[in-house]
C-alpha atoms as a PDB file:
ATOM      1  CA  UNK A   1     -63.245  13.163  28.064  1.00  0.00           C
ATOM      2  CA  UNK A   2     -62.728  16.906  28.305  1.00  0.00           C
ATOM      3  CA  UNK A   3     -63.054  16.840  32.182  1.00  0.00           C
ATOM      4  CA  UNK A   4     -60.616  13.859  32.402  1.00  0.00           C
ATOM      5  CA  UNK A   5     -58.444  15.685  29.940  1.00  0.00           C
ATOM      6  CA  UNK A   6     -58.657  18.682  32.503  1.00  0.00           C
ATOM      7  CA  UNK A   7     -58.157  16.736  35.456  1.00  0.00           C
ATOM      8  CA  UNK A   8     -55.047  14.923  34.248  1.00  0.00           C
ATOM      9  CA  UNK A   9     -53.625  18.099  32.318  1.00  0.00           C
ATOM     10  CA  UNK A  10     -50.365  18.119  34.544  1.00  0.00           C
ATOM     11  CA  UNK A  11     -49.529  14.491  33.788  1.00  0.00           C
ATOM     12  CA  UNK A  12     -50.365  14.707  29.862  1.00  0.00           C
ATOM     13  CA  UNK A  13     -48.119  17.911  29.702  1.00  0.00           C
ATOM     14  CA  UNK A  14     -45.304  15.965  31.322  1.00  0.00           C
ATOM     15  CA  UNK A  15     -45.612  13.062  29.151  1.00  0.00           C
ATOM     16  CA  UNK A  16     -45.954  15.124  25.814  1.00  0.00           C
ATOM     17  CA  UNK A  17     -42.653  17.095  27.237  1.00  0.00           C
ATOM     18  CA  UNK A  18     -41.047  13.746  27.550  1.00  0.00           C
ATOM     19  CA  UNK A  19     -42.070  12.759  24.094  1.00  0.00           C
ATOM     20  CA  UNK A  20     -40.814  16.167  22.641  1.00  0.00           C
ATOM     21  CA  UNK A  21     -37.346  15.728  24.317  1.00  0.00           C
ATOM     22  CA  UNK A  22     -37.448  12.144  23.160  1.00  0.00           C
ATOM     23  CA  UNK A  23     -37.974  13.192  19.736  1.00  0.00           C
ATOM     24  CA  UNK A  24     -35.347  15.725  19.680  1.00  0.00           C
ATOM     25  CA  UNK A  25     -32.575  13.569  21.238  1.00  0.00           C
ATOM     26  CA  UNK A  26     -33.383  10.939  18.320  1.00  0.00           C
ATOM     27  CA  UNK A  27     -33.024  13.490  15.435  1.00  0.00           C
ATOM     28  CA  UNK A  28     -30.131  15.067  17.067  1.00  0.00           C
ATOM     29  CA  UNK A  29     -28.460  11.643  17.017  1.00  0.00           C
ATOM     30  CA  UNK A  30     -29.543  10.769  13.627  1.00  0.00           C
ATOM     31  CA  UNK A  31     -28.266  14.227  12.334  1.00  0.00           C
ATOM     32  CA  UNK A  32     -25.146  13.738  14.132  1.00  0.00           C
ATOM     33  CA  UNK A  33     -24.801  10.051  12.841  1.00  0.00           C
ATOM     34  CA  UNK A  34     -25.186  11.222   8.967  1.00  0.00           C
ATOM     35  CA  UNK A  35     -23.141  14.066  10.048  1.00  0.00           C
ATOM     36  CA  UNK A  36     -20.064  11.639  11.156  1.00  0.00           C
ATOM     37  CA  UNK A  37     -20.813   9.320   8.172  1.00  0.00           C
ATOM     38  CA  UNK A  38     -20.191  12.202   5.792  1.00  0.00           C
ATOM     39  CA  UNK A  39     -17.400  12.854   7.493  1.00  0.00           C
ATOM     40  CA  UNK A  40     -15.606   9.514   7.094  1.00  0.00           C
ATOM     41  CA  UNK A  41     -16.443   9.307   4.024  1.00  0.00           C
ATOM     42  CA  UNK A  42     -14.884  12.705   2.678  1.00  0.00           C
ATOM     43  CA  UNK A  43     -12.187  11.713   4.626  1.00  0.00           C
ATOM     44  CA  UNK A  44     -11.577   8.227   2.867  1.00  0.00           C
ATOM     45  CA  UNK A  45     -12.231  10.432  -0.274  1.00  0.00           C
ATOM     46  CA  UNK A  46      -9.229  12.898   0.136  1.00  0.00           C
ATOM     47  CA  UNK A  47      -7.197  10.402   1.011  1.00  0.00           C
ATOM     48  CA  UNK A  48      -7.914   8.182  -1.653  1.00  0.00           C
ATOM     49  CA  UNK A  49      -8.321  10.780  -4.630  1.00  0.00           C
ATOM     50  CA  UNK A  50      -9.206   9.402  -7.775  1.00  0.00           C
ATOM     51  CA  UNK A  51      -8.189   5.927  -6.635  1.00  0.00           C
ATOM     52  CA  UNK A  52     -11.121   3.232  -6.936  1.00  0.00           C
ATOM     53  CA  UNK A  53      -8.880   0.066  -6.065  1.00  0.00           C
ATOM     54  CA  UNK A  54      -5.415  -0.608  -4.845  1.00  0.00           C
ATOM     55  CA  UNK A  55      -3.672  -3.700  -5.450  1.00  0.00           C
ATOM     56  CA  UNK A  56      -1.088  -4.601  -2.509  1.00  0.00           C
ATOM     57  CA  UNK A  57       1.439  -6.893  -3.290  1.00  0.00           C
ATOM     58  CA  UNK A  58       3.308  -9.330  -0.438  1.00  0.00           C
ATOM     59  CA  UNK A  59       6.422  -8.556  -1.817  1.00  0.00           C
ATOM     60  CA  UNK A  60       7.552  -6.677  -4.924  1.00  0.00           C
ATOM     61  CA  UNK A  61       6.418  -7.234  -8.553  1.00  0.00           C
ATOM     62  CA  UNK A  62       7.982  -5.652 -11.544  1.00  0.00           C
ATOM     63  CA  UNK A  63       7.005  -2.053 -12.304  1.00  0.00           C
ATOM     64  CA  UNK A  64       6.167  -2.726 -16.006  1.00  0.00           C
ATOM     65  CA  UNK A  65       2.799  -4.370 -14.306  1.00  0.00           C
ATOM     66  CA  UNK A  66       1.358  -1.300 -14.484  1.00  0.00           C
ATOM     67  CA  UNK A  67       1.528  -0.491 -17.951  1.00  0.00           C
ATOM     68  CA  UNK A  68       0.459  -4.063 -18.916  1.00  0.00           C
ATOM     69  CA  UNK A  69      -2.588  -3.688 -16.746  1.00  0.00           C
ATOM     70  CA  UNK A  70      -3.878  -0.464 -17.962  1.00  0.00           C
ATOM     71  CA  UNK A  71      -3.458  -1.487 -21.165  1.00  0.00           C
ATOM     72  CA  UNK A  72      -5.589  -4.543 -20.617  1.00  0.00           C
ATOM     73  CA  UNK A  73      -8.142  -2.581 -18.910  1.00  0.00           C
ATOM     74  CA  UNK A  74      -8.299   0.081 -21.791  1.00  0.00           C
ATOM     75  CA  UNK A  75      -8.645  -2.841 -24.207  1.00  0.00           C
ATOM     76  CA  UNK A  76     -11.576  -4.522 -21.912  1.00  0.00           C
ATOM     77  CA  UNK A  77     -13.562  -1.215 -22.427  1.00  0.00           C
ATOM     78  CA  UNK A  78     -11.907   0.865 -19.144  1.00  0.00           C
ATOM     79  CA  UNK A  79     -11.044   3.787 -21.562  1.00  0.00           C
ATOM     80  CA  UNK A  80     -10.578   5.851 -18.675  1.00  0.00           C
ATOM     81  CA  UNK A  81      -8.430   3.391 -16.676  1.00  0.00           C
ATOM     82  CA  UNK A  82      -5.244   4.744 -14.975  1.00  0.00           C
ATOM     83  CA  UNK A  83      -2.748   2.668 -13.242  1.00  0.00           C
ATOM     84  CA  UNK A  84      -0.459   4.219 -11.071  1.00  0.00           C
ATOM     85  CA  UNK A  85       2.849   2.153  -9.221  1.00  0.00           C
ATOM     86  CA  UNK A  86       4.515   3.099  -6.258  1.00  0.00           C
ATOM     87  CA  UNK A  87       6.599   1.663  -3.088  1.00  0.00           C
ATOM     88  CA  UNK A  88       4.751   1.985   0.175  1.00  0.00           C
ATOM     89  CA  UNK A  89       7.188   1.202   3.121  1.00  0.00           C
ATOM     90  CA  UNK A  90       6.436   1.760   6.918  1.00  0.00           C
ATOM     91  CA  UNK A  91       9.280   3.559   8.491  1.00  0.00           C
ATOM     92  CA  UNK A  92      10.412   5.832  10.773  1.00  0.00           C
ATOM     93  CA  UNK A  93      11.992   9.528  10.305  1.00  0.00           C
ATOM     94  CA  UNK A  94      14.652  11.583  12.390  1.00  0.00           C
ATOM     95  CA  UNK A  95      15.421  15.086  12.024  1.00  0.00           C
ATOM     96  CA  UNK A  96      18.943  15.186  11.355  1.00  0.00           C
ATOM     97  CA  UNK A  97      19.854  18.224  13.522  1.00  0.00           C
ATOM     98  CA  UNK A  98      17.420  18.132  16.543  1.00  0.00           C
ATOM     99  CA  UNK A  99      17.447  14.485  16.403  1.00  0.00           C
ATOM    100  CA  UNK A 100      13.452  14.596  16.931  1.00  0.00           C
ATOM    101  CA  UNK A 101      11.710  11.173  15.794  1.00  0.00           C
ATOM    102  CA  UNK A 102       8.748  10.134  14.361  1.00  0.00           C
ATOM    103  CA  UNK A 103       7.442   6.381  14.246  1.00  0.00           C
ATOM    104  CA  UNK A 104       4.834   4.935  12.240  1.00  0.00           C
ATOM    105  CA  UNK A 105       5.822   6.981   9.252  1.00  0.00           C
ATOM    106  CA  UNK A 106       4.707   5.671   5.639  1.00  0.00           C
ATOM    107  CA  UNK A 107       7.778   6.061   3.045  1.00  0.00           C
ATOM    108  CA  UNK A 108       6.310   6.340  -0.490  1.00  0.00           C
ATOM    109  CA  UNK A 109       8.298   5.881  -3.660  1.00  0.00           C
ATOM    110  CA  UNK A 110       6.670   8.008  -6.151  1.00  0.00           C
ATOM    111  CA  UNK A 111       6.480   9.206  -9.853  1.00  0.00           C
ATOM    112  CA  UNK A 112       4.879  11.975 -10.577  1.00  0.00           C
ATOM    113  CA  UNK A 113       1.869  10.547 -12.231  1.00  0.00           C
ATOM    114  CA  UNK A 114       0.856   9.496  -8.295  1.00  0.00           C
ATOM    115  CA  UNK A 115      -0.168  13.388  -7.509  1.00  0.00           C
ATOM    116  CA  UNK A 116      -2.509  13.424 -10.815  1.00  0.00           C
ATOM    117  CA  UNK A 117      -4.997  11.270  -8.628  1.00  0.00           C
ATOM    118  CA  UNK A 118      -5.872  14.887  -6.885  1.00  0.00           C
ATOM    119  CA  UNK A 119      -7.340  17.290  -9.183  1.00  0.00           C
ATOM    120  CA  UNK A 120      -4.639  20.722  -9.405  1.00  0.00           C
ATOM    121  CA  UNK A 121      -2.077  18.644  -7.615  1.00  0.00           C
ATOM    122  CA  UNK A 122       2.215  18.312  -7.800  1.00  0.00           C
ATOM    123  CA  UNK A 123       4.742  16.928  -5.772  1.00  0.00           C
ATOM    124  CA  UNK A 124       7.956  18.994  -7.027  1.00  0.00           C
ATOM    125  CA  UNK A 125      10.943  17.297  -5.836  1.00  0.00           C
ATOM    126  CA  UNK A 126      12.998  20.503  -6.978  1.00  0.00           C
ATOM    127  CA  UNK A 127      11.346  22.880  -4.693  1.00  0.00           C
ATOM    128  CA  UNK A 128      13.007  24.526  -1.505  1.00  0.00           C
ATOM    129  CA  UNK A 129      16.804  23.862  -3.163  1.00  0.00           C
ATOM    130  CA  UNK A 130      16.174  20.027  -3.132  1.00  0.00           C
ATOM    131  CA  UNK A 131      17.596  19.521  -6.818  1.00  0.00           C
ATOM    132  CA  UNK A 132      20.928  21.562  -5.184  1.00  0.00           C
ATOM    133  CA  UNK A 133      21.475  19.298  -2.188  1.00  0.00           C
ATOM    134  CA  UNK A 134      24.147  16.808  -2.063  1.00  0.00           C
ATOM    135  CA  UNK A 135      21.486  14.701  -0.445  1.00  0.00           C
ATOM    136  CA  UNK A 136      18.072  13.405  -2.374  1.00  0.00           C
ATOM    137  CA  UNK A 137      15.169  15.047  -1.843  1.00  0.00           C
ATOM    138  CA  UNK A 138      12.048  14.166   0.293  1.00  0.00           C
ATOM    139  CA  UNK A 139       8.485  15.764   0.647  1.00  0.00           C
ATOM    140  CA  UNK A 140       6.938  15.560   4.120  1.00  0.00           C
ATOM    141  CA  UNK A 141       3.363  15.957   4.760  1.00  0.00           C
ATOM    142  CA  UNK A 142       2.554  18.820   7.539  1.00  0.00           C
ATOM    143  CA  UNK A 143       1.881  16.470  10.353  1.00  0.00           C
ATOM    144  CA  UNK A 144       5.121  14.609   9.888  1.00  0.00           C
ATOM    145  CA  UNK A 145       6.771  17.954   9.520  1.00  0.00           C
ATOM    146  CA  UNK A 146       5.307  19.410  12.766  1.00  0.00           C
ATOM    147  CA  UNK A 147       6.903  16.289  14.862  1.00  0.00           C
ATOM    148  CA  UNK A 148       9.895  16.497  13.438  1.00  0.00           C
ATOM    149  CA  UNK A 149      10.363  20.559  13.734  1.00  0.00           C
ATOM    150  CA  UNK A 150      11.866  20.949  10.210  1.00  0.00           C
ATOM    151  CA  UNK A 151      11.734  23.328   7.400  1.00  0.00           C
ATOM    152  CA  UNK A 152      12.505  22.812   3.619  1.00  0.00           C
ATOM    153  CA  UNK A 153      16.277  22.701   2.966  1.00  0.00           C
ATOM    154  CA  UNK A 154      16.533  20.605   6.531  1.00  0.00           C
ATOM    155  CA  UNK A 155      18.135  17.030   6.437  1.00  0.00           C
ATOM    156  CA  UNK A 156      16.231  14.155   7.595  1.00  0.00           C
ATOM    157  CA  UNK A 157      16.879  10.319   7.754  1.00  0.00           C
ATOM    158  CA  UNK A 158      14.353   7.901   7.023  1.00  0.00           C
ATOM    159  CA  UNK A 159      14.831   3.937   8.250  1.00  0.00           C
ATOM    160  CA  UNK A 160      12.802   1.403   6.527  1.00  0.00           C
ATOM    161  CA  UNK A 161      12.907  -2.410   6.365  1.00  0.00           C
ATOM    162  CA  UNK A 162      15.885  -3.732   4.053  1.00  0.00           C
ATOM    163  CA  UNK A 163      14.364  -6.172   1.434  1.00  0.00           C
ATOM    164  CA  UNK A 164      15.372  -9.690   2.408  1.00  0.00           C
ATOM    165  CA  UNK A 165      15.527 -12.797   0.123  1.00  0.00           C
ATOM    166  CA  UNK A 166      15.990 -14.911   3.404  1.00  0.00           C
ATOM    167  CA  UNK A 167      12.963 -14.538   5.768  1.00  0.00           C
ATOM    168  CA  UNK A 168      14.470 -13.090   9.177  1.00  0.00           C
ATOM    169  CA  UNK A 169      12.555 -15.745  11.049  1.00  0.00           C
ATOM    170  CA  UNK A 170      14.620 -18.718   9.405  1.00  0.00           C
ATOM    171  CA  UNK A 171      17.533 -19.989  10.450  1.00  0.00           C
ATOM    172  CA  UNK A 172      19.666 -18.554   8.101  1.00  0.00           C
ATOM    173  CA  UNK A 173      17.440 -14.916   8.389  1.00  0.00           C
ATOM    174  CA  UNK A 174      19.396 -11.577   9.383  1.00  0.00           C
ATOM    175  CA  UNK A 175      18.265 -10.292  12.823  1.00  0.00           C
ATOM    176  CA  UNK A 176      21.098  -7.792  13.130  1.00  0.00           C
ATOM    177  CA  UNK A 177      19.590  -3.875  13.012  1.00  0.00           C
ATOM    178  CA  UNK A 178      22.311  -2.909  10.819  1.00  0.00           C
ATOM    179  CA  UNK A 179      21.374  -5.746   8.167  1.00  0.00           C
ATOM    180  CA  UNK A 180      17.911  -5.653   7.961  1.00  0.00           C
ATOM    181  CA  UNK A 181      17.181  -1.977   8.560  1.00  0.00           C
ATOM    182  CA  UNK A 182      18.071   0.794   5.497  1.00  0.00           C
ATOM    183  CA  UNK A 183      18.598   4.409   6.409  1.00  0.00           C
ATOM    184  CA  UNK A 184      18.145   7.347   3.930  1.00  0.00           C
ATOM    185  CA  UNK A 185      19.822  10.950   4.598  1.00  0.00           C
ATOM    186  CA  UNK A 186      17.541  13.460   2.902  1.00  0.00           C
ATOM    187  CA  UNK A 187      16.930  16.929   2.234  1.00  0.00           C
ATOM    188  CA  UNK A 188      13.468  18.244   2.669  1.00  0.00           C
ATOM    189  CA  UNK A 189      12.508  19.614  -0.583  1.00  0.00           C
ATOM    190  CA  UNK A 190       8.839  20.780   0.208  1.00  0.00           C
ATOM    191  CA  UNK A 191       6.034  20.491   2.869  1.00  0.00           C
ATOM    192  CA  UNK A 192       2.364  19.853   1.968  1.00  0.00           C
ATOM    193  CA  UNK A 193      -0.680  19.956   3.735  1.00  0.00           C
ATOM    194  CA  UNK A 194      -2.954  17.084   4.525  1.00  0.00           C
ATOM    195  CA  UNK A 195      -5.073  17.472   1.618  1.00  0.00           C
ATOM    196  CA  UNK A 196      -4.297  15.967  -1.819  1.00  0.00           C
ATOM    197  CA  UNK A 197      -1.348  13.549  -2.351  1.00  0.00           C
ATOM    198  CA  UNK A 198      -0.465  14.461   1.705  1.00  0.00           C
ATOM    199  CA  UNK A 199      -3.536  12.946   2.784  1.00  0.00           C
ATOM    200  CA  UNK A 200      -2.934   9.799   0.921  1.00  0.00           C
ATOM    201  CA  UNK A 201      -3.541   6.306   3.100  1.00  0.00           C
ATOM    202  CA  UNK A 202      -4.558   3.075   2.643  1.00  0.00           C
ATOM    203  CA  UNK A 203      -5.134   2.556   6.226  1.00  0.00           C
ATOM    204  CA  UNK A 204      -8.883   2.823   7.655  1.00  0.00           C
ATOM    205  CA  UNK A 205      -8.049   4.875  10.336  1.00  0.00           C
ATOM    206  CA  UNK A 206      -8.944   8.859  11.496  1.00  0.00           C
ATOM    207  CA  UNK A 207      -5.449   9.160  12.799  1.00  0.00           C
ATOM    208  CA  UNK A 208      -3.416  11.718  10.309  1.00  0.00           C
ATOM    209  CA  UNK A 209      -0.885   9.841   8.356  1.00  0.00           C
ATOM    210  CA  UNK A 210       2.699  10.932   8.601  1.00  0.00           C
ATOM    211  CA  UNK A 211       4.029  10.621   4.888  1.00  0.00           C
ATOM    212  CA  UNK A 212       7.276  11.142   3.652  1.00  0.00           C
ATOM    213  CA  UNK A 213       7.742  11.176  -0.532  1.00  0.00           C
ATOM    214  CA  UNK A 214      10.678   9.816  -2.046  1.00  0.00           C
ATOM    215  CA  UNK A 215      11.629   9.419  -5.820  1.00  0.00           C
ATOM    216  CA  UNK A 216      10.755   6.243  -6.838  1.00  0.00           C
ATOM    217  CA  UNK A 217      13.802   5.168  -8.518  1.00  0.00           C
ATOM    218  CA  UNK A 218      15.809   6.515  -5.545  1.00  0.00           C
ATOM    219  CA  UNK A 219      13.708   4.349  -3.256  1.00  0.00           C
ATOM    220  CA  UNK A 220      14.253   1.541  -5.432  1.00  0.00           C
ATOM    221  CA  UNK A 221      17.762   1.754  -5.853  1.00  0.00           C
ATOM    222  CA  UNK A 222      18.083   1.840  -1.636  1.00  0.00           C
ATOM    223  CA  UNK A 223      16.321  -1.219  -1.212  1.00  0.00           C
ATOM    224  CA  UNK A 224      17.980  -3.168  -4.209  1.00  0.00           C
ATOM    225  CA  UNK A 225      14.840  -3.781  -6.145  1.00  0.00           C
ATOM    226  CA  UNK A 226      15.245  -1.813  -9.413  1.00  0.00           C
ATOM    227  CA  UNK A 227      12.375  -1.462 -11.608  1.00  0.00           C
ATOM    228  CA  UNK A 228      10.049  -3.213  -8.880  1.00  0.00           C
ATOM    229  CA  UNK A 229       6.888  -1.793  -7.053  1.00  0.00           C
ATOM    230  CA  UNK A 230       4.517  -3.097  -4.351  1.00  0.00           C
ATOM    231  CA  UNK A 231       1.295  -1.515  -4.643  1.00  0.00           C
ATOM    232  CA  UNK A 232      -0.716  -0.387  -7.709  1.00  0.00           C
ATOM    233  CA  UNK A 233      -3.544   2.399  -7.600  1.00  0.00           C
ATOM    234  CA  UNK A 234      -5.983   1.875 -10.228  1.00  0.00           C
ATOM    235  CA  UNK A 235      -8.394   4.784 -11.086  1.00  0.00           C
ATOM    236  CA  UNK A 236     -11.474   4.996 -13.751  1.00  0.00           C
ATOM    237  CA  UNK A 237     -12.718   1.786 -12.684  1.00  0.00           C
ATOM    238  CA  UNK A 238     -15.514   2.303  -9.791  1.00  0.00           C
ATOM    239  CA  UNK A 239     -18.258   0.061  -8.545  1.00  0.00           C
ATOM    240  CA  UNK A 240     -18.334  -3.864  -8.507  1.00  0.00           C
ATOM    241  CA  UNK A 241     -18.061  -4.009 -12.231  1.00  0.00           C
ATOM    242  CA  UNK A 242     -14.819  -1.829 -12.180  1.00  0.00           C
ATOM    243  CA  UNK A 243     -13.542  -4.517  -9.647  1.00  0.00           C
ATOM    244  CA  UNK A 244     -14.445  -7.434 -11.435  1.00  0.00           C
ATOM    245  CA  UNK A 245     -12.875  -5.633 -14.721  1.00  0.00           C
ATOM    246  CA  UNK A 246      -9.390  -4.755 -12.752  1.00  0.00           C
ATOM    247  CA  UNK A 247      -8.955  -8.413 -11.325  1.00  0.00           C
ATOM    248  CA  UNK A 248      -9.792 -10.010 -14.824  1.00  0.00           C
ATOM    249  CA  UNK A 249      -7.278  -7.906 -16.725  1.00  0.00           C
ATOM    250  CA  UNK A 250      -4.799  -8.830 -13.655  1.00  0.00           C
ATOM    251  CA  UNK A 251      -4.890 -12.570 -14.235  1.00  0.00           C
ATOM    252  CA  UNK A 252      -4.390 -12.095 -18.203  1.00  0.00           C
ATOM    253  CA  UNK A 253      -1.332 -10.011 -17.837  1.00  0.00           C
ATOM    254  CA  UNK A 254       0.452 -11.112 -14.434  1.00  0.00           C
ATOM    255  CA  UNK A 255       3.065 -13.202 -15.296  1.00  0.00           C
ATOM    256  CA  UNK A 256       5.486 -15.596 -13.521  1.00  0.00           C
ATOM    257  CA  UNK A 257       8.294 -13.003 -13.388  1.00  0.00           C
ATOM    258  CA  UNK A 258       6.220 -10.384 -11.745  1.00  0.00           C
ATOM    259  CA  UNK A 259       5.980 -12.100  -8.490  1.00  0.00           C
ATOM    260  CA  UNK A 260       9.746 -13.058  -8.860  1.00  0.00           C
ATOM    261  CA  UNK A 261       9.015 -16.876  -9.988  1.00  0.00           C
ATOM    262  CA  UNK A 262      10.974 -18.826 -12.623  1.00  0.00           C
ATOM    263  CA  UNK A 263       9.921 -21.853 -13.833  1.00  0.00           C
ATOM    264  CA  UNK A 264      12.565 -24.069 -16.126  1.00  0.00           C
ATOM    265  CA  UNK A 265      12.805 -27.687 -17.634  1.00  0.00           C
ATOM    266  CA  UNK A 266      14.683 -29.703 -15.651  1.00  0.00           C
ATOM    267  CA  UNK A 267      15.364 -33.113 -17.482  1.00  0.00           C
ATOM    268  CA  UNK A 268      12.025 -34.530 -17.944  1.00  0.00           C
ATOM    269  CA  UNK A 269      10.858 -32.297 -15.388  1.00  0.00           C
ATOM    270  CA  UNK A 270       9.762 -28.989 -14.480  1.00  0.00           C
ATOM    271  CA  UNK A 271      11.436 -26.242 -11.576  1.00  0.00           C
ATOM    272  CA  UNK A 272       9.895 -24.163 -10.002  1.00  0.00           C
ATOM    273  CA  UNK A 273      11.973 -21.436  -8.124  1.00  0.00           C
ATOM    274  CA  UNK A 274      11.831 -17.701  -6.695  1.00  0.00           C
ATOM    275  CA  UNK A 275      13.736 -15.289  -5.844  1.00  0.00           C
ATOM    276  CA  UNK A 276      13.535 -15.884  -1.688  1.00  0.00           C
ATOM    277  CA  UNK A 277      14.649 -18.455   0.324  1.00  0.00           C
ATOM    278  CA  UNK A 278      11.568 -20.210  -0.028  1.00  0.00           C
ATOM    279  CA  UNK A 279       8.119 -20.397  -1.793  1.00  0.00           C
ATOM    280  CA  UNK A 280       5.049 -18.572  -0.327  1.00  0.00           C
ATOM    281  CA  UNK A 281       2.892 -21.369   1.263  1.00  0.00           C
ATOM    282  CA  UNK A 282       0.128 -19.849  -1.218  1.00  0.00           C
ATOM    283  CA  UNK A 283       2.361 -20.728  -4.429  1.00  0.00           C
ATOM    284  CA  UNK A 284       2.824 -24.057  -3.084  1.00  0.00           C
ATOM    285  CA  UNK A 285      -0.753 -24.625  -2.346  1.00  0.00           C
ATOM    286  CA  UNK A 286      -1.510 -23.537  -6.115  1.00  0.00           C
ATOM    287  CA  UNK A 287       1.295 -25.569  -7.978  1.00  0.00           C
ATOM    288  CA  UNK A 288      -0.127 -28.680  -6.143  1.00  0.00           C
ATOM    289  CA  UNK A 289      -3.522 -28.183  -6.786  1.00  0.00           C
ATOM    290  CA  UNK A 290      -2.604 -27.226 -10.848  1.00  0.00           C
ATOM    291  CA  UNK A 291      -0.428 -30.430 -10.516  1.00  0.00           C
ATOM    292  CA  UNK A 292      -3.274 -32.675  -9.362  1.00  0.00           C
ATOM    293  CA  UNK A 293      -5.642 -31.110 -12.016  1.00  0.00           C
ATOM    294  CA  UNK A 294      -2.958 -32.135 -14.843  1.00  0.00           C
ATOM    295  CA  UNK A 295      -2.279 -35.733 -12.912  1.00  0.00           C
ATOM    296  CA  UNK A 296       1.646 -34.619 -12.323  1.00  0.00           C
ATOM    297  CA  UNK A 297       3.413 -35.190  -9.539  1.00  0.00           C
ATOM    298  CA  UNK A 298       5.184 -32.842  -7.203  1.00  0.00           C
ATOM    299  CA  UNK A 299       8.392 -32.794  -5.118  1.00  0.00           C
ATOM    300  CA  UNK A 300       8.853 -29.896  -2.636  1.00  0.00           C
ATOM    301  CA  UNK A 301      12.592 -29.406  -2.144  1.00  0.00           C
ATOM    302  CA  UNK A 302      14.745 -27.625   0.141  1.00  0.00           C
ATOM    303  CA  UNK A 303      18.018 -26.978  -0.064  1.00  0.00           C
ATOM    304  CA  UNK A 304      20.626 -24.684   1.782  1.00  0.00           C
ATOM    305  CA  UNK A 305      23.666 -25.537  -0.505  1.00  0.00           C
ATOM    306  CA  UNK A 306      23.732 -27.678  -3.874  1.00  0.00           C
ATOM    307  CA  UNK A 307      25.543 -27.632  -7.147  1.00  0.00           C
ATOM    308  CA  UNK A 308      22.882 -29.531  -9.003  1.00  0.00           C
ATOM    309  CA  UNK A 309      19.405 -30.719  -8.517  1.00  0.00           C
ATOM    310  CA  UNK A 310      17.763 -32.920 -11.078  1.00  0.00           C
ATOM    311  CA  UNK A 311      15.309 -36.034 -11.831  1.00  0.00           C
ATOM    312  CA  UNK A 312      16.356 -39.542 -11.759  1.00  0.00           C
ATOM    313  CA  UNK A 313      14.459 -42.166 -13.090  1.00  0.00           C
ATOM    314  CA  UNK A 314      11.054 -40.172 -12.111  1.00  0.00           C
ATOM    315  CA  UNK A 315      11.894 -41.322  -8.259  1.00  0.00           C
ATOM    316  CA  UNK A 316      12.516 -37.627  -7.506  1.00  0.00           C
ATOM    317  CA  UNK A 317      15.260 -34.670  -6.892  1.00  0.00           C
ATOM    318  CA  UNK A 318      18.346 -35.860  -5.859  1.00  0.00           C
ATOM    319  CA  UNK A 319      21.785 -33.308  -5.476  1.00  0.00           C
END
C-alpha cells in the first residue's frame, strides 16, 4: 500500500487539493448565506421596530378601533400590547422649487405614538420652522430627501389617490386626474435617517423606502376621512400565540360602523348598506352565508337612484 501511495502520490495530492477547495467553497457559501439571512432579518426588524403584526384594511376603518383592540388585548392577557393607528397611502412627491419628482413614495399619516415603536425615537413636526410655515409640516426620510434635493424649510407637494365612494372602474366612477388625486403642499420640518421610523415599510423588498410623514389629522382632512385610518400596528404580541390573540380580539371588537356598513330595519326585513357605491364581494358572500345558516332570504339590490326601497309582501324589494 505504501508503494501504491508513493507511486500515485501526485494524483492523491490533486484529489486532496480538490476536496480542500470544495470544502472551502461550501463553507464560504454557508457563511455568506447565513450572513445574508442575518442581514435581511436585521433589515426587516429595523423597518418594523416593535411591530409584531400589521392589520391593513382594503378601505378605511374607524380610528377608535385601535383603542378598543388594545383594551381587548390587555383584558385577554396581553398586558404589554400596544396598538398604533396610521394612514398609509402610495403617492408621489415633487419639490416645489426645483420640480424634482419622486415616485413610489409612501405617504404616512401618523401621531406621536408611531415613533414609540422604535426605542428613543421621535418625529417632531415643529422642527425646522415647520410650526411657523403657513403650510402643514412634513418629515422626509433621507432617501426621499436625496431624490428631491430639498432641505428643512423647503416646500414639497405630495399627491395621492383620493378616497372614492364609487369605484373608478364603474359607470359612475370618476376618472379625471383632478377628481381622483389629492394634493398637499407642505413644508419640510425635518429629515430623518433610514433607521427607526425613517426605515418603516411593510413591503418585503430590499429597496430603500421613500417615506413622507404627515400629521394624521391633516391627512385625514385632505382625504375627507376624519377619524378614519387604514392600518393598525400591533406590538407586544409575538409569535403564533400573539397572532391568535390579536385575531380573536379583533373579531370581538370589530363593529359594522368600523367597516363603513349600516344595518337598518326596513319593514319586516333588514337592509345592509355601506358608504361606498357597492358592497364588496367578500361582504356579500359573508351575508349570504350567514343568511343561509339562519334560514333567511337575501335580495341583492343595486340602485342608481331611488327615493324609497321597501319589502312588499315578502316578494322582495321594490322602489
